[in-house]
PDB file of N, CA and C in Angstrom:
ATOM      1  N   MET A   1     -87.472-114.715  93.437  1.00  0.00           N
ATOM      2  CA  MET A   1     -88.401-113.787  92.814  1.00  0.00           C
ATOM      3  C   MET A   1     -89.527-113.473  93.803  1.00  0.00           C
ATOM      4  N   LYS A   2     -89.777-112.209  94.046  1.00  0.00           N
ATOM      5  CA  LYS A   2     -90.807-111.783  94.982  1.00  0.00           C
ATOM      6  C   LYS A   2     -92.164-111.708  94.270  1.00  0.00           C
ATOM      7  N   THR A   3     -93.199-112.074  94.997  1.00  0.00           N
ATOM      8  CA  THR A   3     -94.539-111.937  94.436  1.00  0.00           C
ATOM      9  C   THR A   3     -95.061-110.548  94.750  1.00  0.00           C
ATOM     10  N   PRO A   4     -95.840-109.967  93.870  1.00  0.00           N
ATOM     11  CA  PRO A   4     -96.373-108.635  94.134  1.00  0.00           C
ATOM     12  C   PRO A   4     -97.304-108.642  95.348  1.00  0.00           C
ATOM     13  N   LYS A   5     -97.372-107.544  96.050  1.00  0.00           N
ATOM     14  CA  LYS A   5     -98.201-107.441  97.256  1.00  0.00           C
ATOM     15  C   LYS A   5     -99.681-107.629  96.938  1.00  0.00           C
ATOM     16  N   SER A   6    -100.111-107.238  95.755  1.00  0.00           N
ATOM     17  CA  SER A   6    -101.528-107.339  95.410  1.00  0.00           C
ATOM     18  C   SER A   6    -101.988-108.789  95.333  1.00  0.00           C
ATOM     19  N   VAL A   7    -101.082-109.707  95.038  1.00  0.00           N
ATOM     20  CA  VAL A   7    -101.449-111.122  94.933  1.00  0.00           C
ATOM     21  C   VAL A   7    -101.734-111.698  96.312  1.00  0.00           C
ATOM     22  N   ASN A   8    -100.998-111.252  97.316  1.00  0.00           N
ATOM     23  CA  ASN A   8    -101.135-111.818  98.651  1.00  0.00           C
ATOM     24  C   ASN A   8    -102.177-111.123  99.525  1.00  0.00           C
ATOM     25  N   LYS A   9    -102.964-110.219  98.968  1.00  0.00           N
ATOM     26  CA  LYS A   9    -103.980-109.529  99.749  1.00  0.00           C
ATOM     27  C   LYS A   9    -105.051-110.521 100.186  1.00  0.00           C
ATOM     28  N   PRO A  10    -105.440-110.511 101.449  1.00  0.00           N
ATOM     29  CA  PRO A  10    -106.519-111.409 101.877  1.00  0.00           C
ATOM     30  C   PRO A  10    -107.866-110.913 101.349  1.00  0.00           C
ATOM     31  N   ARG A  11    -108.667-111.837 100.931  1.00  0.00           N
ATOM     32  CA  ARG A  11    -110.008-111.482 100.473  1.00  0.00           C
ATOM     33  C   ARG A  11    -110.931-111.498 101.682  1.00  0.00           C
ATOM     34  N   PHE A  12    -111.867-110.574 101.739  1.00  0.00           N
ATOM     35  CA  PHE A  12    -112.765-110.514 102.880  1.00  0.00           C
ATOM     36  C   PHE A  12    -114.202-110.626 102.412  1.00  0.00           C
ATOM     37  N   PHE A  13    -115.053-111.010 103.325  1.00  0.00           N
ATOM     38  CA  PHE A  13    -116.470-111.218 103.044  1.00  0.00           C
ATOM     39  C   PHE A  13    -117.224-109.919 103.311  1.00  0.00           C
ATOM     40  N   ASP A  14    -117.950-109.460 102.330  1.00  0.00           N
ATOM     41  CA  ASP A  14    -118.743-108.245 102.486  1.00  0.00           C
ATOM     42  C   ASP A  14    -120.216-108.637 102.428  1.00  0.00           C
ATOM     43  N   PRO A  15    -120.920-108.625 103.569  1.00  0.00           N
ATOM     44  CA  PRO A  15    -122.317-109.079 103.582  1.00  0.00           C
ATOM     45  C   PRO A  15    -123.260-108.185 102.790  1.00  0.00           C
ATOM     46  N   ARG A  16    -122.842-106.969 102.483  1.00  0.00           N
ATOM     47  CA  ARG A  16    -123.721-106.062 101.735  1.00  0.00           C
ATOM     48  C   ARG A  16    -123.865-106.484 100.278  1.00  0.00           C
ATOM     49  N   THR A  17    -122.908-107.253  99.759  1.00  0.00           N
ATOM     50  CA  THR A  17    -122.937-107.610  98.342  1.00  0.00           C
ATOM     51  C   THR A  17    -123.573-108.972  98.081  1.00  0.00           C
ATOM     52  N   THR A  18    -123.949-109.689  99.131  1.00  0.00           N
ATOM     53  CA  THR A  18    -124.544-111.013  98.948  1.00  0.00           C
ATOM     54  C   THR A  18    -126.018-110.987  99.322  1.00  0.00           C
ATOM     55  N   ALA A  19    -126.767-111.844  98.714  1.00  0.00           N
ATOM     56  CA  ALA A  19    -128.188-111.949  99.012  1.00  0.00           C
ATOM     57  C   ALA A  19    -128.563-113.418  99.095  1.00  0.00           C
ATOM     58  N   GLU A  20    -129.383-113.763 100.071  1.00  0.00           N
ATOM     59  CA  GLU A  20    -129.840-115.150 100.189  1.00  0.00           C
ATOM     60  C   GLU A  20    -131.028-115.353  99.269  1.00  0.00           C
ATOM     61  N   VAL A  21    -130.947-116.402  98.480  1.00  0.00           N
ATOM     62  CA  VAL A  21    -132.028-116.715  97.554  1.00  0.00           C
ATOM     63  C   VAL A  21    -132.532-118.108  97.889  1.00  0.00           C
ATOM     64  N   GLU A  22    -133.818-118.221  98.124  1.00  0.00           N
ATOM     65  CA  GLU A  22    -134.401-119.525  98.416  1.00  0.00           C
ATOM     66  C   GLU A  22    -135.033-120.046  97.133  1.00  0.00           C
ATOM     67  N   ALA A  23    -134.508-121.146  96.642  1.00  0.00           N
ATOM     68  CA  ALA A  23    -135.001-121.696  95.383  1.00  0.00           C
ATOM     69  C   ALA A  23    -134.966-123.210  95.446  1.00  0.00           C
ATOM     70  N   SER A  24    -135.809-123.837  94.660  1.00  0.00           N
ATOM     71  CA  SER A  24    -135.806-125.297  94.583  1.00  0.00           C
ATOM     72  C   SER A  24    -134.905-125.704  93.424  1.00  0.00           C
ATOM     73  N   ARG A  25    -134.452-126.942  93.426  1.00  0.00           N
ATOM     74  CA  ARG A  25    -133.569-127.433  92.372  1.00  0.00           C
ATOM     75  C   ARG A  25    -134.343-127.553  91.063  1.00  0.00           C
ATOM     76  N   ASP A  26    -133.729-127.083  89.997  1.00  0.00           N
ATOM     77  CA  ASP A  26    -134.326-127.150  88.675  1.00  0.00           C
ATOM     78  C   ASP A  26    -134.061-128.534  88.090  1.00  0.00           C
ATOM     79  N   ALA A  27    -135.108-129.292  87.820  1.00  0.00           N
ATOM     80  CA  ALA A  27    -134.960-130.665  87.342  1.00  0.00           C
ATOM     81  C   ALA A  27    -135.120-130.771  85.826  1.00  0.00           C
ATOM     82  N   THR A  28    -135.201-129.656  85.121  1.00  0.00           N
ATOM     83  CA  THR A  28    -135.445-129.731  83.679  1.00  0.00           C
ATOM     84  C   THR A  28    -134.252-130.283  82.918  1.00  0.00           C
ATOM     85  N   ASN A  29    -133.029-130.071  83.406  1.00  0.00           N
ATOM     86  CA  ASN A  29    -131.849-130.541  82.685  1.00  0.00           C
ATOM     87  C   ASN A  29    -131.228-131.788  83.301  1.00  0.00           C
ATOM     88  N   ARG A  30    -131.933-132.459  84.191  1.00  0.00           N
ATOM     89  CA  ARG A  30    -131.386-133.655  84.825  1.00  0.00           C
ATOM     90  C   ARG A  30    -131.542-134.845  83.891  1.00  0.00           C
ATOM     91  N   LYS A  31    -130.568-135.737  83.902  1.00  0.00           N
ATOM     92  CA  LYS A  31    -130.600-136.909  83.025  1.00  0.00           C
ATOM     93  C   LYS A  31    -131.505-137.998  83.606  1.00  0.00           C
ATOM     94  N   PRO A  32    -132.117-138.798  82.742  1.00  0.00           N
ATOM     95  CA  PRO A  32    -132.823-139.974  83.244  1.00  0.00           C
ATOM     96  C   PRO A  32    -131.808-140.978  83.794  1.00  0.00           C
ATOM     97  N   PHE A  33    -132.236-141.802  84.737  1.00  0.00           N
ATOM     98  CA  PHE A  33    -131.315-142.757  85.347  1.00  0.00           C
ATOM     99  C   PHE A  33    -131.995-144.117  85.486  1.00  0.00           C
ATOM    100  N   ARG A  34    -131.183-145.164  85.708  1.00  0.00           N
ATOM    101  CA  ARG A  34    -131.706-146.516  85.905  1.00  0.00           C
ATOM    102  C   ARG A  34    -131.337-147.008  87.293  1.00  0.00           C
ATOM    103  N   THR A  35    -132.300-147.628  87.956  1.00  0.00           N
ATOM    104  CA  THR A  35    -132.042-148.241  89.249  1.00  0.00           C
ATOM    105  C   THR A  35    -131.296-149.553  89.017  1.00  0.00           C
ATOM    106  N   LYS A  36    -130.878-150.198  90.083  1.00  0.00           N
ATOM    107  CA  LYS A  36    -130.111-151.437  89.962  1.00  0.00           C
ATOM    108  C   LYS A  36    -130.895-152.511  89.201  1.00  0.00           C
ATOM    109  N   SER A  37    -132.175-152.669  89.523  1.00  0.00           N
ATOM    110  CA  SER A  37    -132.981-153.683  88.837  1.00  0.00           C
ATOM    111  C   SER A  37    -133.230-153.313  87.377  1.00  0.00           C
ATOM    112  N   GLN A  38    -133.353-152.014  87.092  1.00  0.00           N
ATOM    113  CA  GLN A  38    -133.532-151.583  85.708  1.00  0.00           C
ATOM    114  C   GLN A  38    -132.267-151.826  84.890  1.00  0.00           C
ATOM    115  N   LYS A  39    -131.094-151.689  85.518  1.00  0.00           N
ATOM    116  CA  LYS A  39    -129.835-151.958  84.823  1.00  0.00           C
ATOM    117  C   LYS A  39    -129.714-153.428  84.460  1.00  0.00           C
ATOM    118  N   VAL A  40    -130.131-154.302  85.378  1.00  0.00           N
ATOM    119  CA  VAL A  40    -130.089-155.744  85.100  1.00  0.00           C
ATOM    120  C   VAL A  40    -130.980-156.064  83.904  1.00  0.00           C
ATOM    121  N   GLU A  41    -132.163-155.485  83.890  1.00  0.00           N
ATOM    122  CA  GLU A  41    -133.095-155.716  82.786  1.00  0.00           C
ATOM    123  C   GLU A  41    -132.539-155.142  81.474  1.00  0.00           C
ATOM    124  N   ALA A  42    -131.904-153.995  81.527  1.00  0.00           N
ATOM    125  CA  ALA A  42    -131.338-153.372  80.332  1.00  0.00           C
ATOM    126  C   ALA A  42    -130.236-154.240  79.746  1.00  0.00           C
ATOM    127  N   ARG A  43    -129.391-154.814  80.607  1.00  0.00           N
ATOM    128  CA  ARG A  43    -128.327-155.694  80.111  1.00  0.00           C
ATOM    129  C   ARG A  43    -128.901-156.959  79.496  1.00  0.00           C
ATOM    130  N   ARG A  44    -129.991-157.453  80.069  1.00  0.00           N
ATOM    131  CA  ARG A  44    -130.600-158.690  79.573  1.00  0.00           C
ATOM    132  C   ARG A  44    -131.158-158.509  78.162  1.00  0.00           C
ATOM    133  N   TYR A  45    -131.750-157.347  77.879  1.00  0.00           N
ATOM    134  CA  TYR A  45    -132.410-157.134  76.588  1.00  0.00           C
ATOM    135  C   TYR A  45    -131.603-156.258  75.634  1.00  0.00           C
ATOM    136  N   ALA A  46    -130.346-156.002  75.940  1.00  0.00           N
ATOM    137  CA  ALA A  46    -129.523-155.146  75.086  1.00  0.00           C
ATOM    138  C   ALA A  46    -129.229-155.818  73.746  1.00  0.00           C
ATOM    139  N   VAL A  47    -129.194-155.018  72.696  1.00  0.00           N
ATOM    140  CA  VAL A  47    -128.911-155.478  71.337  1.00  0.00           C
ATOM    141  C   VAL A  47    -127.772-154.616  70.797  1.00  0.00           C
ATOM    142  N   ARG A  48    -126.845-155.222  70.075  1.00  0.00           N
ATOM    143  CA  ARG A  48    -125.715-154.469  69.531  1.00  0.00           C
ATOM    144  C   ARG A  48    -126.140-153.793  68.226  1.00  0.00           C
ATOM    145  N   VAL A  49    -126.001-152.475  68.182  1.00  0.00           N
ATOM    146  CA  VAL A  49    -126.346-151.687  66.999  1.00  0.00           C
ATOM    147  C   VAL A  49    -125.152-150.800  66.659  1.00  0.00           C
ATOM    148  N   ASN A  50    -124.574-151.005  65.497  1.00  0.00           N
ATOM    149  CA  ASN A  50    -123.409-150.220  65.050  1.00  0.00           C
ATOM    150  C   ASN A  50    -122.282-150.236  66.080  1.00  0.00           C
ATOM    151  N   GLY A  51    -122.034-151.365  66.689  1.00  0.00           N
ATOM    152  CA  GLY A  51    -120.929-151.500  67.627  1.00  0.00           C
ATOM    153  C   GLY A  51    -121.227-151.059  69.049  1.00  0.00           C
ATOM    154  N   ALA A  52    -122.425-150.550  69.328  1.00  0.00           N
ATOM    155  CA  ALA A  52    -122.781-150.114  70.681  1.00  0.00           C
ATOM    156  C   ALA A  52    -124.031-150.861  71.136  1.00  0.00           C
ATOM    157  N   PHE A  53    -124.092-151.192  72.404  1.00  0.00           N
ATOM    158  CA  PHE A  53    -125.260-151.874  72.948  1.00  0.00           C
ATOM    159  C   PHE A  53    -126.370-150.866  73.202  1.00  0.00           C
ATOM    160  N   CYS A  54    -127.588-151.191  72.768  1.00  0.00           N
ATOM    161  CA  CYS A  54    -128.755-150.336  72.961  1.00  0.00           C
ATOM    162  C   CYS A  54    -129.851-151.155  73.623  1.00  0.00           C
ATOM    163  N   SER A  55    -130.638-150.503  74.459  1.00  0.00           N
ATOM    164  CA  SER A  55    -131.710-151.195  75.151  1.00  0.00           C
ATOM    165  C   SER A  55    -132.915-150.277  75.264  1.00  0.00           C
ATOM    166  N   LYS A  56    -134.089-150.867  75.140  1.00  0.00           N
ATOM    167  CA  LYS A  56    -135.335-150.118  75.301  1.00  0.00           C
ATOM    168  C   LYS A  56    -135.904-150.320  76.702  1.00  0.00           C
ATOM    169  N   ALA A  57    -135.072-150.742  77.636  1.00  0.00           N
ATOM    170  CA  ALA A  57    -135.523-150.947  79.009  1.00  0.00           C
ATOM    171  C   ALA A  57    -135.940-149.605  79.619  1.00  0.00           C
ATOM    172  N   PRO A  58    -136.880-149.631  80.554  1.00  0.00           N
ATOM    173  CA  PRO A  58    -137.373-148.374  81.137  1.00  0.00           C
ATOM    174  C   PRO A  58    -136.316-147.636  81.946  1.00  0.00           C
ATOM    175  N   VAL A  59    -136.471-146.346  82.054  1.00  0.00           N
ATOM    176  CA  VAL A  59    -135.603-145.499  82.864  1.00  0.00           C
ATOM    177  C   VAL A  59    -136.475-144.686  83.837  1.00  0.00           C
ATOM    178  N   SER A  60    -135.863-144.234  84.910  1.00  0.00           N
ATOM    179  CA  SER A  60    -136.562-143.381  85.865  1.00  0.00           C
ATOM    180  C   SER A  60    -136.157-141.939  85.632  1.00  0.00           C
ATOM    181  N   ARG A  61    -137.043-141.032  86.031  1.00  0.00           N
ATOM    182  CA  ARG A  61    -136.735-139.614  85.898  1.00  0.00           C
ATOM    183  C   ARG A  61    -136.833-138.955  87.268  1.00  0.00           C
ATOM    184  N   HIS A  62    -136.103-137.869  87.453  1.00  0.00           N
ATOM    185  CA  HIS A  62    -136.111-137.160  88.720  1.00  0.00           C
ATOM    186  C   HIS A  62    -137.465-136.481  88.920  1.00  0.00           C
ATOM    187  N   ALA A  63    -137.911-136.440  90.164  1.00  0.00           N
ATOM    188  CA  ALA A  63    -139.167-135.774  90.470  1.00  0.00           C
ATOM    189  C   ALA A  63    -139.013-134.265  90.305  1.00  0.00           C
ATOM    190  N   GLU A  64    -140.035-133.627  89.843  1.00  0.00           N
ATOM    191  CA  GLU A  64    -139.954-132.168  89.643  1.00  0.00           C
ATOM    192  C   GLU A  64    -140.556-131.430  90.794  1.00  0.00           C
TER     193      GLU A  64
END
């Protein structure tokens, strides 16, 4: 079975359609995270609630 010619067309880069945008990373939707020492503390103070372990140990947030 032959493939149609339109499928095998090479795509080319057209610089007129692209624009460089300089922007910083948006940190509003980033998740909080725990460092290695914070994870150890979280495991130490974890309590089982409804079958899942929960901890009130501190978390770090990404800098904005």
